[in-house]
Structures are given as C-alpha cells and as structure tokens.
C-alpha cells in the first residue's frame, strides 16, 4: 500500500471508527504516544492519545449523536489535509454552554503529519463562531447586537 493510501486509511479509521462508532480503544493504535493536537478552539495544545480520548469524550458527551463526514482529503507522503463536517444535537454542556437541544452542523479542516503509520501531529481549525451562532449564543455576522439563532 502506498504512503498516501495508508494515510487515507488511517484517517478513515480515526473518523469512522473512533468518532462515529465511539471505538476509543483504537486511538492508541492510530496516534503516536507523543501525538500533539493543536486546536485553539477546543484544547489549545494537548499531547498523547489520552488527551485525544478526552477530547472525543467531551464532544460525544455534549453531542451524543455526533457524526463526522469526510468531505475531501488530499496530500502526499507524510502530510494529509482533511475537510470535514460534524453534525449532532447539543444534549450536554459544551464549552460552558448548557444543553440547548439544537441540531448543529459545523465545517472544519484537519492537517495531519504521519510517521510509520502513526499520526504524530494534528492541526485543527473549525467554525466555532458558526457553532456558537447555531447554539444561540452569538449573533451571525451582520446581525444587530443581541440577535442570536433561535
């Protein structure tokens, strides 16, 4: 299997098995012990598989029906970019916001670096403002102050 095909298989396993099927035990197989997650919206920086499991748990606790859809992926050798959409229903506290029971859909992108079939680094950027608007916490850009999603 080529490095590109191997990387794409790793990513499918991470999103489909770990996130969508809640198989957290696979995180140790997929991520390097020194994996660094860089997500300024959710974690800042976190190191290791256990930190990643805590992140997944935080999301799926707040959004029990959360699903990842990989929209696109591209890259070569040790680098891969993944465009994704998550969707789910806000049923538990998340980022200090109590459950709203609102359905949300948020786009994001992750850039990963692999070495020897393990994810070493993940750089994540996602539409946190869009999420906050969908939860009714902030107005959309251009809306008058005090107007949020209802």
C-alpha atoms as a PDB file:
ATOM      1  CA  UNK A   1       0.000   0.000   0.000  1.00  0.00           C
ATOM      2  CA  UNK A   2       1.358   3.441  -0.893  1.00  0.00           C
ATOM      3  CA  UNK A   3       2.001   6.008   1.837  1.00  0.00           C
ATOM      4  CA  UNK A   4      -0.883   8.117   0.507  1.00  0.00           C
ATOM      5  CA  UNK A   5      -3.317   5.181   0.583  1.00  0.00           C
ATOM      6  CA  UNK A   6      -2.075   4.180   4.045  1.00  0.00           C
ATOM      7  CA  UNK A   7      -2.602   7.711   5.381  1.00  0.00           C
ATOM      8  CA  UNK A   8      -6.117   7.885   3.965  1.00  0.00           C
ATOM      9  CA  UNK A   9      -6.924   4.506   5.555  1.00  0.00           C
ATOM     10  CA  UNK A  10      -5.658   5.792   8.916  1.00  0.00           C
ATOM     11  CA  UNK A  11      -7.868   8.859   8.635  1.00  0.00           C
ATOM     12  CA  UNK A  12     -10.934   6.840   7.688  1.00  0.00           C
ATOM     13  CA  UNK A  13     -10.292   4.657  10.743  1.00  0.00           C
ATOM     14  CA  UNK A  14      -9.864   7.683  13.010  1.00  0.00           C
ATOM     15  CA  UNK A  15     -13.054   9.434  11.935  1.00  0.00           C
ATOM     16  CA  UNK A  16     -15.311   6.477  11.156  1.00  0.00           C
ATOM     17  CA  UNK A  17     -14.252   4.057  13.900  1.00  0.00           C
ATOM     18  CA  UNK A  18     -13.128   6.356  16.725  1.00  0.00           C
ATOM     19  CA  UNK A  19     -15.504   9.287  16.286  1.00  0.00           C
ATOM     20  CA  UNK A  20     -18.554   7.782  14.586  1.00  0.00           C
ATOM     21  CA  UNK A  21     -18.508   4.312  16.179  1.00  0.00           C
ATOM     22  CA  UNK A  22     -17.049   5.506  19.517  1.00  0.00           C
ATOM     23  CA  UNK A  23     -14.198   2.970  19.468  1.00  0.00           C
ATOM     24  CA  UNK A  24     -11.827   4.934  21.682  1.00  0.00           C
ATOM     25  CA  UNK A  25      -9.588   1.906  22.194  1.00  0.00           C
ATOM     26  CA  UNK A  26      -8.330   2.398  18.616  1.00  0.00           C
ATOM     27  CA  UNK A  27      -6.824   5.790  19.445  1.00  0.00           C
ATOM     28  CA  UNK A  28      -3.728   4.079  20.882  1.00  0.00           C
ATOM     29  CA  UNK A  29      -3.207   2.217  17.593  1.00  0.00           C
ATOM     30  CA  UNK A  30      -3.707   5.279  15.390  1.00  0.00           C
ATOM     31  CA  UNK A  31      -1.906   8.044  17.282  1.00  0.00           C
ATOM     32  CA  UNK A  32       1.731   8.214  18.271  1.00  0.00           C
ATOM     33  CA  UNK A  33       2.351   8.249  22.048  1.00  0.00           C
ATOM     34  CA  UNK A  34       3.730  11.771  21.544  1.00  0.00           C
ATOM     35  CA  UNK A  35       0.868  12.905  19.282  1.00  0.00           C
ATOM     36  CA  UNK A  36       0.375  16.674  19.516  1.00  0.00           C
ATOM     37  CA  UNK A  37      -3.125  18.024  18.919  1.00  0.00           C
ATOM     38  CA  UNK A  38      -3.249  21.712  18.063  1.00  0.00           C
ATOM     39  CA  UNK A  39      -6.829  23.013  18.248  1.00  0.00           C
ATOM     40  CA  UNK A  40      -7.061  26.572  19.563  1.00  0.00           C
ATOM     41  CA  UNK A  41     -10.864  26.343  19.781  1.00  0.00           C
ATOM     42  CA  UNK A  42     -11.147  23.177  21.853  1.00  0.00           C
ATOM     43  CA  UNK A  43      -7.871  22.334  23.543  1.00  0.00           C
ATOM     44  CA  UNK A  44      -5.095  24.731  22.701  1.00  0.00           C
ATOM     45  CA  UNK A  45      -2.414  22.070  22.558  1.00  0.00           C
ATOM     46  CA  UNK A  46      -2.705  18.596  24.030  1.00  0.00           C
ATOM     47  CA  UNK A  47      -0.235  15.720  23.898  1.00  0.00           C
ATOM     48  CA  UNK A  48      -0.796  11.978  23.708  1.00  0.00           C
ATOM     49  CA  UNK A  49      -3.588   9.526  22.976  1.00  0.00           C
ATOM     50  CA  UNK A  50      -5.229  10.013  26.394  1.00  0.00           C
ATOM     51  CA  UNK A  51      -5.675  13.739  25.727  1.00  0.00           C
ATOM     52  CA  UNK A  52      -7.256  12.895  22.366  1.00  0.00           C
ATOM     53  CA  UNK A  53      -9.630  10.414  24.019  1.00  0.00           C
ATOM     54  CA  UNK A  54     -10.670  13.115  26.488  1.00  0.00           C
ATOM     55  CA  UNK A  55     -11.414  15.448  23.577  1.00  0.00           C
ATOM     56  CA  UNK A  56     -13.543  12.832  21.807  1.00  0.00           C
ATOM     57  CA  UNK A  57     -15.371  12.081  25.061  1.00  0.00           C
ATOM     58  CA  UNK A  58     -16.071  15.771  25.656  1.00  0.00           C
ATOM     59  CA  UNK A  59     -17.600  16.137  22.178  1.00  0.00           C
ATOM     60  CA  UNK A  60     -19.675  12.939  22.217  1.00  0.00           C
ATOM     61  CA  UNK A  61     -20.942  13.658  25.724  1.00  0.00           C
ATOM     62  CA  UNK A  62     -22.200  17.071  24.610  1.00  0.00           C
ATOM     63  CA  UNK A  63     -23.395  15.796  21.213  1.00  0.00           C
ATOM     64  CA  UNK A  64     -24.318  12.101  21.678  1.00  0.00           C
ATOM     65  CA  UNK A  65     -25.388  11.695  18.044  1.00  0.00           C
ATOM     66  CA  UNK A  66     -22.290  13.480  16.681  1.00  0.00           C
ATOM     67  CA  UNK A  67     -21.186  12.279  13.239  1.00  0.00           C
ATOM     68  CA  UNK A  68     -18.140  13.153  11.174  1.00  0.00           C
ATOM     69  CA  UNK A  69     -18.395  13.211   7.397  1.00  0.00           C
ATOM     70  CA  UNK A  70     -15.161  13.470   5.449  1.00  0.00           C
ATOM     71  CA  UNK A  71     -15.893  15.890   2.619  1.00  0.00           C
ATOM     72  CA  UNK A  72     -12.453  15.749   0.988  1.00  0.00           C
ATOM     73  CA  UNK A  73      -8.878  14.747   1.689  1.00  0.00           C
ATOM     74  CA  UNK A  74      -5.651  15.338  -0.144  1.00  0.00           C
ATOM     75  CA  UNK A  75      -1.945  15.272   0.474  1.00  0.00           C
ATOM     76  CA  UNK A  76       1.188  13.350  -0.200  1.00  0.00           C
ATOM     77  CA  UNK A  77       3.777  11.394   1.697  1.00  0.00           C
ATOM     78  CA  UNK A  78       3.521  12.224   5.405  1.00  0.00           C
ATOM     79  CA  UNK A  79       1.038  15.120   5.183  1.00  0.00           C
ATOM     80  CA  UNK A  80      -2.706  14.928   4.661  1.00  0.00           C
ATOM     81  CA  UNK A  81      -5.446  17.563   4.809  1.00  0.00           C
ATOM     82  CA  UNK A  82      -8.992  16.509   5.633  1.00  0.00           C
ATOM     83  CA  UNK A  83     -12.044  18.717   5.106  1.00  0.00           C
ATOM     84  CA  UNK A  84     -14.921  17.541   7.262  1.00  0.00           C
ATOM     85  CA  UNK A  85     -18.359  18.356   8.583  1.00  0.00           C
ATOM     86  CA  UNK A  86     -19.639  17.374  12.002  1.00  0.00           C
ATOM     87  CA  UNK A  87     -23.285  17.328  12.926  1.00  0.00           C
ATOM     88  CA  UNK A  88     -25.170  16.468  16.062  1.00  0.00           C
ATOM     89  CA  UNK A  89     -27.654  17.560  18.693  1.00  0.00           C
ATOM     90  CA  UNK A  90     -26.453  19.592  21.685  1.00  0.00           C
ATOM     91  CA  UNK A  91     -27.614  17.448  24.630  1.00  0.00           C
ATOM     92  CA  UNK A  92     -24.933  18.228  27.219  1.00  0.00           C
ATOM     93  CA  UNK A  93     -22.674  21.024  28.450  1.00  0.00           C
ATOM     94  CA  UNK A  94     -20.059  22.109  25.914  1.00  0.00           C
ATOM     95  CA  UNK A  95     -17.513  24.904  26.295  1.00  0.00           C
ATOM     96  CA  UNK A  96     -19.502  26.201  29.265  1.00  0.00           C
ATOM     97  CA  UNK A  97     -22.809  26.227  27.361  1.00  0.00           C
ATOM     98  CA  UNK A  98     -25.617  24.144  28.864  1.00  0.00           C
ATOM     99  CA  UNK A  99     -27.563  21.803  26.582  1.00  0.00           C
ATOM    100  CA  UNK A 100     -29.799  23.596  24.075  1.00  0.00           C
ATOM    101  CA  UNK A 101     -31.191  20.535  22.241  1.00  0.00           C
ATOM    102  CA  UNK A 102     -30.342  22.319  18.980  1.00  0.00           C
ATOM    103  CA  UNK A 103     -29.089  20.435  15.949  1.00  0.00           C
ATOM    104  CA  UNK A 104     -25.815  21.803  14.608  1.00  0.00           C
ATOM    105  CA  UNK A 105     -23.585  21.299  11.598  1.00  0.00           C
ATOM    106  CA  UNK A 106     -20.047  22.666  11.551  1.00  0.00           C
ATOM    107  CA  UNK A 107     -17.283  22.576   8.941  1.00  0.00           C
ATOM    108  CA  UNK A 108     -13.605  22.200   9.693  1.00  0.00           C
ATOM    109  CA  UNK A 109     -10.257  21.071   8.419  1.00  0.00           C
ATOM    110  CA  UNK A 110      -7.518  18.957   9.964  1.00  0.00           C
ATOM    111  CA  UNK A 111      -3.954  18.705   8.724  1.00  0.00           C
ATOM    112  CA  UNK A 112      -2.093  15.657   9.949  1.00  0.00           C
ATOM    113  CA  UNK A 113       1.501  14.510   9.875  1.00  0.00           C
ATOM    114  CA  UNK A 114       2.188  10.773   9.986  1.00  0.00           C
ATOM    115  CA  UNK A 115       5.340   8.779  10.644  1.00  0.00           C
ATOM    116  CA  UNK A 116       5.476   4.981  10.398  1.00  0.00           C
ATOM    117  CA  UNK A 117       1.686   4.682  10.037  1.00  0.00           C
ATOM    118  CA  UNK A 118       1.002   6.736  13.196  1.00  0.00           C
ATOM    119  CA  UNK A 119      -0.449  10.230  13.440  1.00  0.00           C
ATOM    120  CA  UNK A 120       2.233  12.442  15.017  1.00  0.00           C
ATOM    121  CA  UNK A 121       0.584  15.865  14.810  1.00  0.00           C
ATOM    122  CA  UNK A 122      -2.915  17.184  14.110  1.00  0.00           C
ATOM    123  CA  UNK A 123      -3.660  20.827  13.340  1.00  0.00           C
ATOM    124  CA  UNK A 124      -7.383  21.570  13.536  1.00  0.00           C
ATOM    125  CA  UNK A 125      -9.411  24.607  12.530  1.00  0.00           C
ATOM    126  CA  UNK A 126     -13.191  24.698  12.645  1.00  0.00           C
ATOM    127  CA  UNK A 127     -16.051  27.173  12.586  1.00  0.00           C
ATOM    128  CA  UNK A 128     -16.529  27.758  16.303  1.00  0.00           C
ATOM    129  CA  UNK A 129     -18.383  31.037  15.621  1.00  0.00           C
ATOM    130  CA  UNK A 130     -20.841  29.155  13.413  1.00  0.00           C
ATOM    131  CA  UNK A 131     -21.359  26.606  16.181  1.00  0.00           C
ATOM    132  CA  UNK A 132     -21.948  29.323  18.767  1.00  0.00           C
ATOM    133  CA  UNK A 133     -24.458  31.014  16.437  1.00  0.00           C
ATOM    134  CA  UNK A 134     -26.319  27.739  15.878  1.00  0.00           C
ATOM    135  CA  UNK A 135     -26.463  27.231  19.646  1.00  0.00           C
ATOM    136  CA  UNK A 136     -27.951  30.718  20.040  1.00  0.00           C
ATOM    137  CA  UNK A 137     -25.003  32.122  21.977  1.00  0.00           C
ATOM    138  CA  UNK A 138     -23.813  34.764  19.478  1.00  0.00           C
ATOM    139  CA  UNK A 139     -25.431  36.612  16.574  1.00  0.00           C
ATOM    140  CA  UNK A 140     -24.442  35.887  12.994  1.00  0.00           C
ATOM    141  CA  UNK A 141     -22.065  38.382  11.417  1.00  0.00           C
ATOM    142  CA  UNK A 142     -24.049  41.414  10.323  1.00  0.00           C
ATOM    143  CA  UNK A 143     -26.973  40.834  12.693  1.00  0.00           C
ATOM    144  CA  UNK A 144     -27.808  43.539  15.214  1.00  0.00           C
ATOM    145  CA  UNK A 145     -26.307  43.155  18.666  1.00  0.00           C
ATOM    146  CA  UNK A 146     -28.334  40.840  20.870  1.00  0.00           C
ATOM    147  CA  UNK A 147     -29.788  38.796  17.993  1.00  0.00           C
ATOM    148  CA  UNK A 148     -28.812  35.130  18.079  1.00  0.00           C
ATOM    149  CA  UNK A 149     -30.129  31.954  16.452  1.00  0.00           C
ATOM    150  CA  UNK A 150     -33.454  30.932  17.846  1.00  0.00           C
END
